[in-house]
Amino acid sequence: MLTVTSKALVEIKRLSENEKDPAQTALRVMVVGGGCSGLSYKLGFDNQPATDKDRIIEMEGVKILVDSKSYLFLDATELDFTDGLNGKGFVFNNAKAKRTCGCGNSFSA
């Protein structure tokens, strides 16, 4: 299952406030082809599931949507948020990743 840290949940809530209808906004987490290692993470906001196969994860008032193909790569992954000296942004800690690139945005499974 995809897990989300408290710090990431706070940032998702903050960002969703800029959407037209924050109460109906969900974070869509996807894995797409591309990047240095073959697969990349993609985040965006969505108002509803794309299909009936989308997984809906709810944590502390935050709704997260994951399509079934992406879920295969995101199972056992933690989504975190960092704002340290090395940069600010979302970080994926994926236990299934066999290799990651230097930028941390792509992986191979």
C-alpha atoms as a PDB file:
ATOM      1  CA  MET A   1       0.000   0.000   0.000  1.00  0.00           C
ATOM      2  CA  LEU A   2       1.119   3.565  -0.685  1.00  0.00           C
ATOM      3  CA  THR A   3       1.711   5.472   2.551  1.00  0.00           C
ATOM      4  CA  VAL A   4       2.028   9.215   3.010  1.00  0.00           C
ATOM      5  CA  THR A   5       3.952  10.917   5.802  1.00  0.00           C
ATOM      6  CA  SER A   6       2.386  13.592   7.980  1.00  0.00           C
ATOM      7  CA  LYS A   7       4.678  16.206   6.458  1.00  0.00           C
ATOM      8  CA  ALA A   8       3.542  15.273   2.932  1.00  0.00           C
ATOM      9  CA  LEU A   9      -0.122  15.353   3.984  1.00  0.00           C
ATOM     10  CA  VAL A  10       0.284  18.901   5.300  1.00  0.00           C
ATOM     11  CA  GLU A  11       1.841  20.013   2.009  1.00  0.00           C
ATOM     12  CA  ILE A  12      -0.847  18.273  -0.082  1.00  0.00           C
ATOM     13  CA  LYS A  13      -3.544  20.047   1.944  1.00  0.00           C
ATOM     14  CA  ARG A  14      -1.772  23.384   1.483  1.00  0.00           C
ATOM     15  CA  LEU A  15      -1.434  22.931  -2.280  1.00  0.00           C
ATOM     16  CA  SER A  16      -5.018  21.719  -2.728  1.00  0.00           C
ATOM     17  CA  GLU A  17      -6.310  24.990  -1.263  1.00  0.00           C
ATOM     18  CA  ASN A  18      -5.385  26.624  -4.607  1.00  0.00           C
ATOM     19  CA  GLU A  19      -7.755  24.305  -6.505  1.00  0.00           C
ATOM     20  CA  LYS A  20     -11.294  25.382  -7.515  1.00  0.00           C
ATOM     21  CA  ASP A  21     -13.006  22.991  -5.103  1.00  0.00           C
ATOM     22  CA  PRO A  22     -10.496  21.935  -2.416  1.00  0.00           C
ATOM     23  CA  ALA A  23     -13.037  19.706  -0.652  1.00  0.00           C
ATOM     24  CA  GLN A  24     -13.472  17.604  -3.817  1.00  0.00           C
ATOM     25  CA  THR A  25      -9.827  17.656  -4.898  1.00  0.00           C
ATOM     26  CA  ALA A  26      -7.721  14.495  -4.739  1.00  0.00           C
ATOM     27  CA  LEU A  27      -4.022  14.018  -5.370  1.00  0.00           C
ATOM     28  CA  ARG A  28      -3.386  11.710  -8.327  1.00  0.00           C
ATOM     29  CA  VAL A  29      -0.151   9.723  -8.023  1.00  0.00           C
ATOM     30  CA  MET A  30       1.060   8.042 -11.200  1.00  0.00           C
ATOM     31  CA  VAL A  31       3.993   6.108 -12.575  1.00  0.00           C
ATOM     32  CA  VAL A  32       4.720   6.868 -16.235  1.00  0.00           C
ATOM     33  CA  GLY A  33       7.363   5.710 -18.685  1.00  0.00           C
ATOM     34  CA  GLY A  34      10.388   7.967 -19.019  1.00  0.00           C
ATOM     35  CA  GLY A  35      13.259   9.422 -17.079  1.00  0.00           C
ATOM     36  CA  CYS A  36      16.847   8.266 -16.690  1.00  0.00           C
ATOM     37  CA  SER A  37      15.918   4.873 -15.232  1.00  0.00           C
ATOM     38  CA  GLY A  38      12.816   4.048 -17.269  1.00  0.00           C
ATOM     39  CA  LEU A  39       9.907   5.026 -14.993  1.00  0.00           C
ATOM     40  CA  SER A  40       8.989   8.382 -13.453  1.00  0.00           C
ATOM     41  CA  TYR A  41       6.611   9.580 -10.775  1.00  0.00           C
ATOM     42  CA  LYS A  42       3.936  12.108 -11.647  1.00  0.00           C
ATOM     43  CA  LEU A  43       1.707  14.083  -9.281  1.00  0.00           C
ATOM     44  CA  GLY A  44      -1.332  16.207 -10.035  1.00  0.00           C
ATOM     45  CA  PHE A  45      -4.754  17.110  -8.745  1.00  0.00           C
ATOM     46  CA  ASP A  46      -7.949  15.476  -9.967  1.00  0.00           C
ATOM     47  CA  ASN A  47     -11.599  15.805  -8.966  1.00  0.00           C
ATOM     48  CA  GLN A  48     -12.712  12.210  -9.478  1.00  0.00           C
ATOM     49  CA  PRO A  49     -11.453   8.725 -10.277  1.00  0.00           C
ATOM     50  CA  ALA A  50     -10.684   8.211 -13.973  1.00  0.00           C
ATOM     51  CA  THR A  51     -12.053   4.656 -13.974  1.00  0.00           C
ATOM     52  CA  ASP A  52     -13.692   2.246 -11.555  1.00  0.00           C
ATOM     53  CA  LYS A  53     -10.287   0.561 -11.198  1.00  0.00           C
ATOM     54  CA  ASP A  54      -8.665   3.592  -9.557  1.00  0.00           C
ATOM     55  CA  ARG A  55      -7.649   2.966  -5.978  1.00  0.00           C
ATOM     56  CA  ILE A  56      -8.815   5.601  -3.540  1.00  0.00           C
ATOM     57  CA  ILE A  57      -6.699   6.072  -0.435  1.00  0.00           C
ATOM     58  CA  GLU A  58      -7.896   8.441   2.286  1.00  0.00           C
ATOM     59  CA  MET A  59      -5.644   9.701   5.066  1.00  0.00           C
ATOM     60  CA  GLU A  60      -6.390  12.537   7.489  1.00  0.00           C
ATOM     61  CA  GLY A  61      -8.862  14.186   5.126  1.00  0.00           C
ATOM     62  CA  VAL A  62      -6.637  13.836   2.052  1.00  0.00           C
ATOM     63  CA  LYS A  63      -7.882  11.739  -0.844  1.00  0.00           C
ATOM     64  CA  ILE A  64      -5.285  10.068  -3.094  1.00  0.00           C
ATOM     65  CA  LEU A  65      -6.079   8.425  -6.435  1.00  0.00           C
ATOM     66  CA  VAL A  66      -3.853   5.752  -7.988  1.00  0.00           C
ATOM     67  CA  ASP A  67      -4.601   3.937 -11.246  1.00  0.00           C
ATOM     68  CA  SER A  68      -4.256   0.145 -11.161  1.00  0.00           C
ATOM     69  CA  LYS A  69      -1.098   0.034 -13.326  1.00  0.00           C
ATOM     70  CA  SER A  70       0.714   2.633 -11.191  1.00  0.00           C
ATOM     71  CA  TYR A  71      -0.377   0.871  -8.001  1.00  0.00           C
ATOM     72  CA  LEU A  72       1.714  -2.156  -8.981  1.00  0.00           C
ATOM     73  CA  PHE A  73       4.836   0.031  -8.825  1.00  0.00           C
ATOM     74  CA  LEU A  74       3.739   2.111  -5.819  1.00  0.00           C
ATOM     75  CA  ASP A  75       2.823  -0.711  -3.448  1.00  0.00           C
ATOM     76  CA  ALA A  76       5.194  -0.493  -0.446  1.00  0.00           C
ATOM     77  CA  THR A  77       6.107   3.111  -1.315  1.00  0.00           C
ATOM     78  CA  GLU A  78       6.183   6.071   1.044  1.00  0.00           C
ATOM     79  CA  LEU A  79       5.466   9.580  -0.208  1.00  0.00           C
ATOM     80  CA  ASP A  80       7.294  12.175   1.881  1.00  0.00           C
ATOM     81  CA  PHE A  81       7.943  15.904   1.660  1.00  0.00           C
ATOM     82  CA  THR A  82      11.299  17.507   2.349  1.00  0.00           C
ATOM     83  CA  ASP A  83      12.211  21.138   2.790  1.00  0.00           C
ATOM     84  CA  GLY A  84      15.819  20.761   3.859  1.00  0.00           C
ATOM     85  CA  LEU A  85      19.079  22.243   2.635  1.00  0.00           C
ATOM     86  CA  ASN A  86      19.245  19.860  -0.335  1.00  0.00           C
ATOM     87  CA  GLY A  87      15.956  21.065  -1.791  1.00  0.00           C
ATOM     88  CA  LYS A  88      12.242  21.248  -1.313  1.00  0.00           C
ATOM     89  CA  GLY A  89       9.685  18.839  -2.735  1.00  0.00           C
ATOM     90  CA  PHE A  90       7.974  15.484  -2.633  1.00  0.00           C
ATOM     91  CA  VAL A  91      10.162  12.398  -2.266  1.00  0.00           C
ATOM     92  CA  PHE A  92       9.226   8.807  -3.074  1.00  0.00           C
ATOM     93  CA  ASN A  93      10.804   6.074  -0.950  1.00  0.00           C
ATOM     94  CA  ASN A  94      10.034   3.018  -3.062  1.00  0.00           C
ATOM     95  CA  ALA A  95      10.986  -0.380  -1.629  1.00  0.00           C
ATOM     96  CA  LYS A  96      10.388  -2.009  -5.030  1.00  0.00           C
ATOM     97  CA  ALA A  97      12.806   0.249  -6.921  1.00  0.00           C
ATOM     98  CA  LYS A  98      15.829  -1.734  -8.054  1.00  0.00           C
ATOM     99  CA  ARG A  99      17.643   1.338  -9.330  1.00  0.00           C
ATOM    100  CA  THR A 100      17.070   5.090  -9.087  1.00  0.00           C
ATOM    101  CA  CYS A 101      18.645   7.992 -10.911  1.00  0.00           C
ATOM    102  CA  GLY A 102      20.677  10.726  -9.259  1.00  0.00           C
ATOM    103  CA  CYS A 103      17.826  13.231  -9.342  1.00  0.00           C
ATOM    104  CA  GLY A 104      15.487  10.801  -7.520  1.00  0.00           C
ATOM    105  CA  ASN A 105      12.651  11.323  -9.997  1.00  0.00           C
ATOM    106  CA  SER A 106      12.942   8.092 -11.931  1.00  0.00           C
ATOM    107  CA  PHE A 107      13.486   4.435 -11.120  1.00  0.00           C
ATOM    108  CA  SER A 108      13.425   0.915 -12.500  1.00  0.00           C
ATOM    109  CA  ALA A 109      11.549  -1.957 -10.959  1.00  0.00           C
END
